[in-house]
Amino acid sequence: MSEWDLPDPYVLAMNVDAAFIDRMGHANNAAYVRWLEKVAWAHTDALGLGWDAYQRLNRAFVARHTEIEYLAPAFVDERLLLGTWIVENDQRISMTRRYQIIREQDGLTLARARTRWVCVAVDSGKPRRMPPEFISGYAVALTKES
């Protein structure tokens, strides 16, 4: 049985929908990228920095680099626990999230991932410094990697 890699993840539970299943009979690799985005947005919303705040501040985070290690397949109707942590934040332009996907039934870790996010202006897509609201809002969720 797997445990969380780091303490106190933000966790989102979900079921594997049939739409995510590919010809091999398991969740397609691209589905994992969607799930990472889903838990990242849920965590961001929980921190009070949802899309409304992004638009008001004219700032958003876009994925710069993602690495995913696929460890085991997910199948239709399985319940997954998507965990995420913010593990780096330079308080200027970038932050890094880690992710872990666990199958609830047996506690097996199905995937681990890491994404480097870059702050950009919503109206231009160009890199911009984080506003103070991002610095303070995301700071409360910073977890040190061991």
C-alpha atoms as a PDB file:
ATOM      1  CA  MET A   1       0.000   0.000   0.000  1.00  0.00           C
ATOM      2  CA  SER A   2       1.303   3.413  -0.945  1.00  0.00           C
ATOM      3  CA  GLU A   3       1.246   6.426   1.259  1.00  0.00           C
ATOM      4  CA  TRP A   4       1.566  10.050   0.285  1.00  0.00           C
ATOM      5  CA  ASP A   5       5.108  10.985  -0.690  1.00  0.00           C
ATOM      6  CA  LEU A   6       4.934  14.258   1.250  1.00  0.00           C
ATOM      7  CA  PRO A   7       2.799  15.342   4.204  1.00  0.00           C
ATOM      8  CA  ASP A   8      -0.576  17.076   3.922  1.00  0.00           C
ATOM      9  CA  PRO A   9      -1.375  16.954   0.205  1.00  0.00           C
ATOM     10  CA  TYR A  10      -4.348  18.755  -1.234  1.00  0.00           C
ATOM     11  CA  VAL A  11      -6.489  15.774  -2.299  1.00  0.00           C
ATOM     12  CA  LEU A  12      -9.216  15.517  -4.904  1.00  0.00           C
ATOM     13  CA  ALA A  13     -11.106  12.229  -5.308  1.00  0.00           C
ATOM     14  CA  MET A  14     -12.491  11.216  -8.699  1.00  0.00           C
ATOM     15  CA  ASN A  15     -13.725   8.192 -10.611  1.00  0.00           C
ATOM     16  CA  VAL A  16     -12.168   7.075 -13.887  1.00  0.00           C
ATOM     17  CA  ASP A  17     -14.770   7.795 -16.551  1.00  0.00           C
ATOM     18  CA  ALA A  18     -15.139   5.518 -19.593  1.00  0.00           C
ATOM     19  CA  ALA A  19     -14.203   8.483 -21.805  1.00  0.00           C
ATOM     20  CA  PHE A  20     -10.623   8.236 -20.489  1.00  0.00           C
ATOM     21  CA  ILE A  21     -10.198   4.573 -21.488  1.00  0.00           C
ATOM     22  CA  ASP A  22      -8.157   3.848 -24.613  1.00  0.00           C
ATOM     23  CA  ARG A  23      -7.781   0.847 -26.910  1.00  0.00           C
ATOM     24  CA  MET A  24      -5.549  -0.858 -24.365  1.00  0.00           C
ATOM     25  CA  GLY A  25      -8.468  -0.948 -21.912  1.00  0.00           C
ATOM     26  CA  HIS A  26      -6.926   1.453 -19.382  1.00  0.00           C
ATOM     27  CA  ALA A  27      -6.832   5.215 -18.885  1.00  0.00           C
ATOM     28  CA  ASN A  28      -4.916   6.892 -21.676  1.00  0.00           C
ATOM     29  CA  ASN A  29      -1.683   8.684 -20.791  1.00  0.00           C
ATOM     30  CA  ALA A  30      -3.218  12.011 -21.869  1.00  0.00           C
ATOM     31  CA  ALA A  31      -5.916  11.573 -19.206  1.00  0.00           C
ATOM     32  CA  TYR A  32      -3.274  11.901 -16.509  1.00  0.00           C
ATOM     33  CA  VAL A  33      -2.331  15.372 -17.773  1.00  0.00           C
ATOM     34  CA  ARG A  34      -5.990  16.403 -17.507  1.00  0.00           C
ATOM     35  CA  TRP A  35      -6.161  15.004 -13.978  1.00  0.00           C
ATOM     36  CA  LEU A  36      -3.062  16.954 -12.954  1.00  0.00           C
ATOM     37  CA  GLU A  37      -4.667  20.134 -14.261  1.00  0.00           C
ATOM     38  CA  LYS A  38      -7.934  19.269 -12.503  1.00  0.00           C
ATOM     39  CA  VAL A  39      -6.326  18.879  -9.070  1.00  0.00           C
ATOM     40  CA  ALA A  40      -4.106  21.944  -9.601  1.00  0.00           C
ATOM     41  CA  TRP A  41      -7.177  24.091 -10.353  1.00  0.00           C
ATOM     42  CA  ALA A  42      -9.111  22.626  -7.415  1.00  0.00           C
ATOM     43  CA  HIS A  43      -6.197  23.443  -5.122  1.00  0.00           C
ATOM     44  CA  THR A  44      -5.857  26.937  -6.592  1.00  0.00           C
ATOM     45  CA  ASP A  45      -9.591  27.545  -6.083  1.00  0.00           C
ATOM     46  CA  ALA A  46      -9.325  26.288  -2.489  1.00  0.00           C
ATOM     47  CA  LEU A  47      -6.550  28.839  -1.901  1.00  0.00           C
ATOM     48  CA  GLY A  48      -8.885  31.611  -3.086  1.00  0.00           C
ATOM     49  CA  LEU A  49      -6.957  32.193  -6.305  1.00  0.00           C
ATOM     50  CA  GLY A  50      -9.419  30.889  -8.881  1.00  0.00           C
ATOM     51  CA  TRP A  51     -10.017  32.122 -12.398  1.00  0.00           C
ATOM     52  CA  ASP A  52     -11.856  35.263 -11.203  1.00  0.00           C
ATOM     53  CA  ALA A  53      -8.768  36.330  -9.246  1.00  0.00           C
ATOM     54  CA  TYR A  54      -6.529  35.481 -12.206  1.00  0.00           C
ATOM     55  CA  GLN A  55      -8.599  37.722 -14.489  1.00  0.00           C
ATOM     56  CA  ARG A  56      -8.822  40.551 -11.948  1.00  0.00           C
ATOM     57  CA  LEU A  57      -5.030  40.479 -11.430  1.00  0.00           C
ATOM     58  CA  ASN A  58      -4.275  39.890 -15.123  1.00  0.00           C
ATOM     59  CA  ARG A  59      -2.005  37.018 -14.108  1.00  0.00           C
ATOM     60  CA  ALA A  60      -2.151  33.263 -14.542  1.00  0.00           C
ATOM     61  CA  PHE A  61       0.124  30.259 -14.371  1.00  0.00           C
ATOM     62  CA  VAL A  62       0.864  28.242 -17.487  1.00  0.00           C
ATOM     63  CA  ALA A  63       2.645  24.907 -17.596  1.00  0.00           C
ATOM     64  CA  ARG A  64       6.255  25.225 -18.721  1.00  0.00           C
ATOM     65  CA  HIS A  65       7.450  21.665 -18.154  1.00  0.00           C
ATOM     66  CA  THR A  66       5.748  18.489 -16.947  1.00  0.00           C
ATOM     67  CA  GLU A  67       7.276  15.113 -16.144  1.00  0.00           C
ATOM     68  CA  ILE A  68       5.064  12.117 -15.450  1.00  0.00           C
ATOM     69  CA  GLU A  69       6.170   8.705 -14.234  1.00  0.00           C
ATOM     70  CA  TYR A  70       3.451   6.163 -15.048  1.00  0.00           C
ATOM     71  CA  LEU A  71       3.681   3.301 -12.558  1.00  0.00           C
ATOM     72  CA  ALA A  72       0.452   1.311 -13.005  1.00  0.00           C
ATOM     73  CA  PRO A  73      -2.717   1.575 -15.105  1.00  0.00           C
ATOM     74  CA  ALA A  74      -6.076   3.001 -14.051  1.00  0.00           C
ATOM     75  CA  PHE A  75      -9.280   1.315 -15.201  1.00  0.00           C
ATOM     76  CA  VAL A  76     -12.864   2.445 -15.718  1.00  0.00           C
ATOM     77  CA  ASP A  77     -14.867   3.204 -12.555  1.00  0.00           C
ATOM     78  CA  GLU A  78     -11.842   3.034 -10.252  1.00  0.00           C
ATOM     79  CA  ARG A  79     -11.751   5.735  -7.607  1.00  0.00           C
ATOM     80  CA  LEU A  80      -8.547   7.751  -7.620  1.00  0.00           C
ATOM     81  CA  LEU A  81      -7.067  10.153  -5.118  1.00  0.00           C
ATOM     82  CA  LEU A  82      -5.208  12.992  -6.812  1.00  0.00           C
ATOM     83  CA  GLY A  83      -2.746  14.667  -4.452  1.00  0.00           C
ATOM     84  CA  THR A  84      -0.732  17.817  -5.067  1.00  0.00           C
ATOM     85  CA  TRP A  85       1.809  19.973  -3.280  1.00  0.00           C
ATOM     86  CA  ILE A  86       3.538  23.228  -4.126  1.00  0.00           C
ATOM     87  CA  VAL A  87       7.188  22.382  -3.523  1.00  0.00           C
ATOM     88  CA  GLU A  88       8.997  25.415  -4.959  1.00  0.00           C
ATOM     89  CA  ASN A  89       8.011  29.050  -5.365  1.00  0.00           C
ATOM     90  CA  ASP A  90      10.574  31.666  -6.306  1.00  0.00           C
ATOM     91  CA  GLN A  91       8.008  34.408  -5.532  1.00  0.00           C
ATOM     92  CA  ARG A  92       8.914  36.046  -8.812  1.00  0.00           C
ATOM     93  CA  ILE A  93       7.856  34.109 -11.879  1.00  0.00           C
ATOM     94  CA  SER A  94       7.714  30.354 -11.305  1.00  0.00           C
ATOM     95  CA  MET A  95       6.535  27.658  -8.977  1.00  0.00           C
ATOM     96  CA  THR A  96       6.647  23.880  -9.049  1.00  0.00           C
ATOM     97  CA  ARG A  97       3.928  21.421  -8.110  1.00  0.00           C
ATOM     98  CA  ARG A  98       4.328  17.741  -7.377  1.00  0.00           C
ATOM     99  CA  TYR A  99       1.531  15.263  -7.837  1.00  0.00           C
ATOM    100  CA  GLN A 100       0.763  11.713  -6.809  1.00  0.00           C
ATOM    101  CA  ILE A 101      -2.164   9.633  -8.041  1.00  0.00           C
ATOM    102  CA  ILE A 102      -3.275   6.787  -5.789  1.00  0.00           C
ATOM    103  CA  ARG A 103      -5.915   4.143  -6.486  1.00  0.00           C
ATOM    104  CA  GLU A 104      -8.169   4.287  -3.431  1.00  0.00           C
ATOM    105  CA  GLN A 105      -9.119   0.584  -3.461  1.00  0.00           C
ATOM    106  CA  ASP A 106      -5.639  -0.767  -2.791  1.00  0.00           C
ATOM    107  CA  GLY A 107      -3.570   2.352  -2.060  1.00  0.00           C
ATOM    108  CA  LEU A 108      -1.304   1.736  -5.045  1.00  0.00           C
ATOM    109  CA  THR A 109       0.479   4.770  -6.482  1.00  0.00           C
ATOM    110  CA  LEU A 110      -0.362   4.868 -10.194  1.00  0.00           C
ATOM    111  CA  ALA A 111       1.666   7.934 -11.143  1.00  0.00           C
ATOM    112  CA  ARG A 112       3.938  10.668  -9.878  1.00  0.00           C
ATOM    113  CA  ALA A 113       4.428  13.964 -11.659  1.00  0.00           C
ATOM    114  CA  ARG A 114       5.996  17.384 -11.424  1.00  0.00           C
ATOM    115  CA  THR A 115       5.073  20.572 -13.281  1.00  0.00           C
ATOM    116  CA  ARG A 116       6.955  23.853 -13.425  1.00  0.00           C
ATOM    117  CA  TRP A 117       4.426  26.678 -13.764  1.00  0.00           C
ATOM    118  CA  VAL A 118       5.307  30.162 -15.041  1.00  0.00           C
ATOM    119  CA  CYS A 119       3.369  33.331 -14.223  1.00  0.00           C
ATOM    120  CA  VAL A 120       2.108  35.205 -17.290  1.00  0.00           C
ATOM    121  CA  ALA A 121      -0.160  38.147 -18.061  1.00  0.00           C
ATOM    122  CA  VAL A 122      -3.623  36.884 -19.015  1.00  0.00           C
ATOM    123  CA  ASP A 123      -4.022  39.514 -21.747  1.00  0.00           C
ATOM    124  CA  SER A 124      -0.706  38.854 -23.522  1.00  0.00           C
ATOM    125  CA  GLY A 125       0.537  35.439 -22.388  1.00  0.00           C
ATOM    126  CA  LYS A 126       3.949  37.003 -21.701  1.00  0.00           C
ATOM    127  CA  PRO A 127       5.890  36.138 -18.530  1.00  0.00           C
ATOM    128  CA  ARG A 128       5.253  38.575 -15.685  1.00  0.00           C
ATOM    129  CA  ARG A 129       6.141  38.784 -12.001  1.00  0.00           C
ATOM    130  CA  MET A 130       3.695  37.288  -9.538  1.00  0.00           C
ATOM    131  CA  PRO A 131       1.402  39.828  -7.911  1.00  0.00           C
ATOM    132  CA  PRO A 132       1.505  40.027  -4.088  1.00  0.00           C
ATOM    133  CA  GLU A 133      -1.755  38.034  -3.928  1.00  0.00           C
ATOM    134  CA  PHE A 134      -0.054  35.093  -5.659  1.00  0.00           C
ATOM    135  CA  ILE A 135       2.994  35.299  -3.425  1.00  0.00           C
ATOM    136  CA  SER A 136       0.995  35.263  -0.189  1.00  0.00           C
ATOM    137  CA  GLY A 137      -1.792  32.972  -1.446  1.00  0.00           C
ATOM    138  CA  TYR A 138       0.475  30.205  -2.686  1.00  0.00           C
ATOM    139  CA  ALA A 139       2.980  30.605   0.191  1.00  0.00           C
ATOM    140  CA  VAL A 140       0.526  29.058   2.662  1.00  0.00           C
ATOM    141  CA  ALA A 141       0.594  25.832   0.632  1.00  0.00           C
ATOM    142  CA  LEU A 142       4.375  25.520   0.252  1.00  0.00           C
ATOM    143  CA  THR A 143       5.640  22.076   1.308  1.00  0.00           C
ATOM    144  CA  LYS A 144       9.323  21.315   1.733  1.00  0.00           C
ATOM    145  CA  GLU A 145      10.583  18.292  -0.146  1.00  0.00           C
ATOM    146  CA  SER A 146      12.557  15.866   1.987  1.00  0.00           C
END
